[in-house]
Amino acid sequence: VQLVESGGGLVQAGGSLRLSCAASGSTFEINVMGWYRQAPGKQRELVASIIRGSGITNYADSVKGRFTISRDNAKNRLYLQMNSLNPEDTAVYYCNTRDWFGRGSWGQGTQVTVSS
């Protein structure tokens, strides 16, 4: 599976951004899709995930109520709507998929910068 993210950028605190991830290749094998982020000097962390079939979602406590993950299976796309952004959300955001065999794929990442 190949993944390409888009939608990052610079936004002021309190603003919104929508990230997109386009998947190609063996997309029929995808089980779980998610967004991770990595801030400078910190470990990569899970932001949100969604089960491709059922749509069941999971969020990090730090983004609950502000971010919404969604997918369009027909278009093989994953989205992350980010509202009420704050400087602590500044990071490189990565799209991730995991298939039924546990194999993972990563996108190249997209930078999100929130200014105070």
Protein backbone atom coordinates (compact mmCIF):
# COMPACT_ATOMS: atom_id res chain seq x y z
CA VAL A 1 0.00 0.00 0.00
CA GLN A 2 1.27 3.44 -0.92
CA LEU A 3 0.13 6.49 1.03
CA VAL A 4 0.33 10.19 0.18
CA GLU A 5 -0.69 12.86 2.67
CA SER A 6 -1.76 16.41 1.91
CA GLY A 7 -3.37 19.35 3.63
CA GLY A 8 -0.76 20.42 6.14
CA GLY A 9 0.32 24.00 6.58
CA LEU A 10 0.62 26.96 8.90
CA VAL A 11 -2.40 28.04 10.93
CA GLN A 12 -3.03 30.31 13.88
CA ALA A 13 -4.08 28.94 17.24
CA GLY A 14 -7.80 28.26 17.26
CA GLY A 15 -7.84 27.57 13.55
CA SER A 16 -8.64 24.44 11.57
CA LEU A 17 -6.98 22.20 9.01
CA ARG A 18 -8.09 19.11 7.14
CA LEU A 19 -5.54 16.45 6.30
CA SER A 20 -6.09 13.93 3.53
CA CYS A 21 -4.37 10.64 2.78
CA ALA A 22 -4.69 8.91 -0.58
CA ALA A 23 -4.08 5.17 -0.55
CA SER A 24 -3.18 3.06 -3.57
CA GLY A 25 -2.03 -0.48 -4.22
CA SER A 26 -3.49 -3.41 -2.28
CA THR A 27 -6.07 -1.29 -0.49
CA PHE A 28 -8.50 -4.20 -0.20
CA GLU A 29 -6.17 -5.70 2.41
CA ILE A 30 -6.33 -2.63 4.70
CA ASN A 31 -7.90 -3.28 8.10
CA VAL A 32 -7.05 -0.22 10.18
CA MET A 33 -6.16 3.30 9.09
CA GLY A 34 -4.76 6.00 11.31
CA TRP A 35 -2.99 9.28 11.80
CA TYR A 36 0.18 9.61 13.84
CA ARG A 37 2.24 12.68 14.60
CA GLN A 38 5.80 13.38 15.63
CA ALA A 39 6.92 16.65 17.17
CA PRO A 40 10.61 17.65 17.30
CA GLY A 41 12.42 15.70 19.97
CA LYS A 42 9.40 13.52 20.73
CA GLN A 43 8.34 10.02 19.85
CA ARG A 44 5.77 9.37 17.17
CA GLU A 45 2.32 9.05 18.74
CA LEU A 46 -1.08 7.86 17.65
CA VAL A 47 -3.56 10.67 17.05
CA ALA A 48 -6.58 8.76 15.80
CA SER A 49 -7.46 5.50 14.10
CA ILE A 50 -10.45 4.01 12.32
CA ILE A 51 -11.37 0.47 11.36
CA ARG A 52 -11.88 0.53 7.62
CA GLY A 53 -14.89 -1.78 7.62
CA SER A 54 -16.89 -0.85 10.71
CA GLY A 55 -15.84 2.79 11.02
CA ILE A 56 -15.10 2.40 14.72
CA THR A 57 -12.77 5.18 15.80
CA ASN A 58 -10.20 5.74 18.51
CA TYR A 59 -8.63 9.03 19.59
CA ALA A 60 -5.76 10.16 21.75
CA ASP A 61 -7.03 11.97 24.83
CA SER A 62 -5.24 15.13 23.75
CA VAL A 63 -7.36 15.49 20.59
CA LYS A 64 -10.74 14.15 21.69
CA GLY A 65 -13.49 16.62 20.89
CA ARG A 66 -11.25 18.61 18.54
CA PHE A 67 -10.18 16.16 15.82
CA THR A 68 -12.34 13.89 13.70
CA ILE A 69 -11.06 10.97 11.66
CA SER A 70 -13.06 9.67 8.71
CA ARG A 71 -12.59 7.54 5.63
CA ASP A 72 -14.06 7.19 2.16
CA ASN A 73 -13.57 3.58 1.18
CA ALA A 74 -14.79 4.13 -2.37
CA LYS A 75 -12.06 6.72 -2.93
CA ASN A 76 -9.47 4.98 -0.75
CA ARG A 77 -9.02 8.14 1.25
CA LEU A 78 -8.50 8.93 4.90
CA TYR A 79 -9.17 12.31 6.47
CA LEU A 80 -8.39 14.14 9.68
CA GLN A 81 -10.42 17.24 10.47
CA MET A 82 -8.54 19.27 13.06
CA ASN A 83 -10.33 22.07 14.89
CA SER A 84 -9.33 24.34 17.75
CA LEU A 85 -5.69 23.79 16.97
CA ASN A 86 -3.09 24.87 19.50
CA PRO A 87 0.72 25.14 19.33
CA GLU A 88 1.06 21.73 21.01
CA ASP A 89 -0.45 20.19 17.88
CA THR A 90 2.57 21.29 15.84
CA ALA A 91 4.15 18.18 14.35
CA VAL A 92 4.67 16.14 11.23
CA TYR A 93 1.50 14.12 10.67
CA TYR A 94 1.75 10.67 9.13
CA CYS A 95 -0.89 8.48 7.57
CA ASN A 96 -0.66 4.81 8.49
CA THR A 97 -2.43 1.64 7.46
CA ARG A 98 -2.26 -1.88 8.80
CA ASP A 99 -3.54 -4.87 6.91
CA TRP A 100 -5.10 -8.11 8.06
CA PHE A 101 -1.63 -9.68 8.30
CA GLY A 102 -0.27 -6.94 10.53
CA ARG A 103 1.82 -5.33 7.82
CA GLY A 104 2.02 -1.55 8.07
CA SER A 105 2.53 1.25 5.59
CA TRP A 106 3.48 4.88 6.18
CA GLY A 107 3.13 8.04 4.17
CA GLN A 108 5.89 10.61 3.83
CA GLY A 109 4.29 12.98 6.33
CA THR A 110 2.86 16.46 6.17
CA GLN A 111 3.91 19.36 8.39
CA VAL A 112 1.35 21.09 10.58
CA THR A 113 2.49 24.25 12.32
CA VAL A 114 0.25 26.15 14.73
CA SER A 115 1.35 29.63 15.70
CA SER A 116 0.37 31.23 18.99
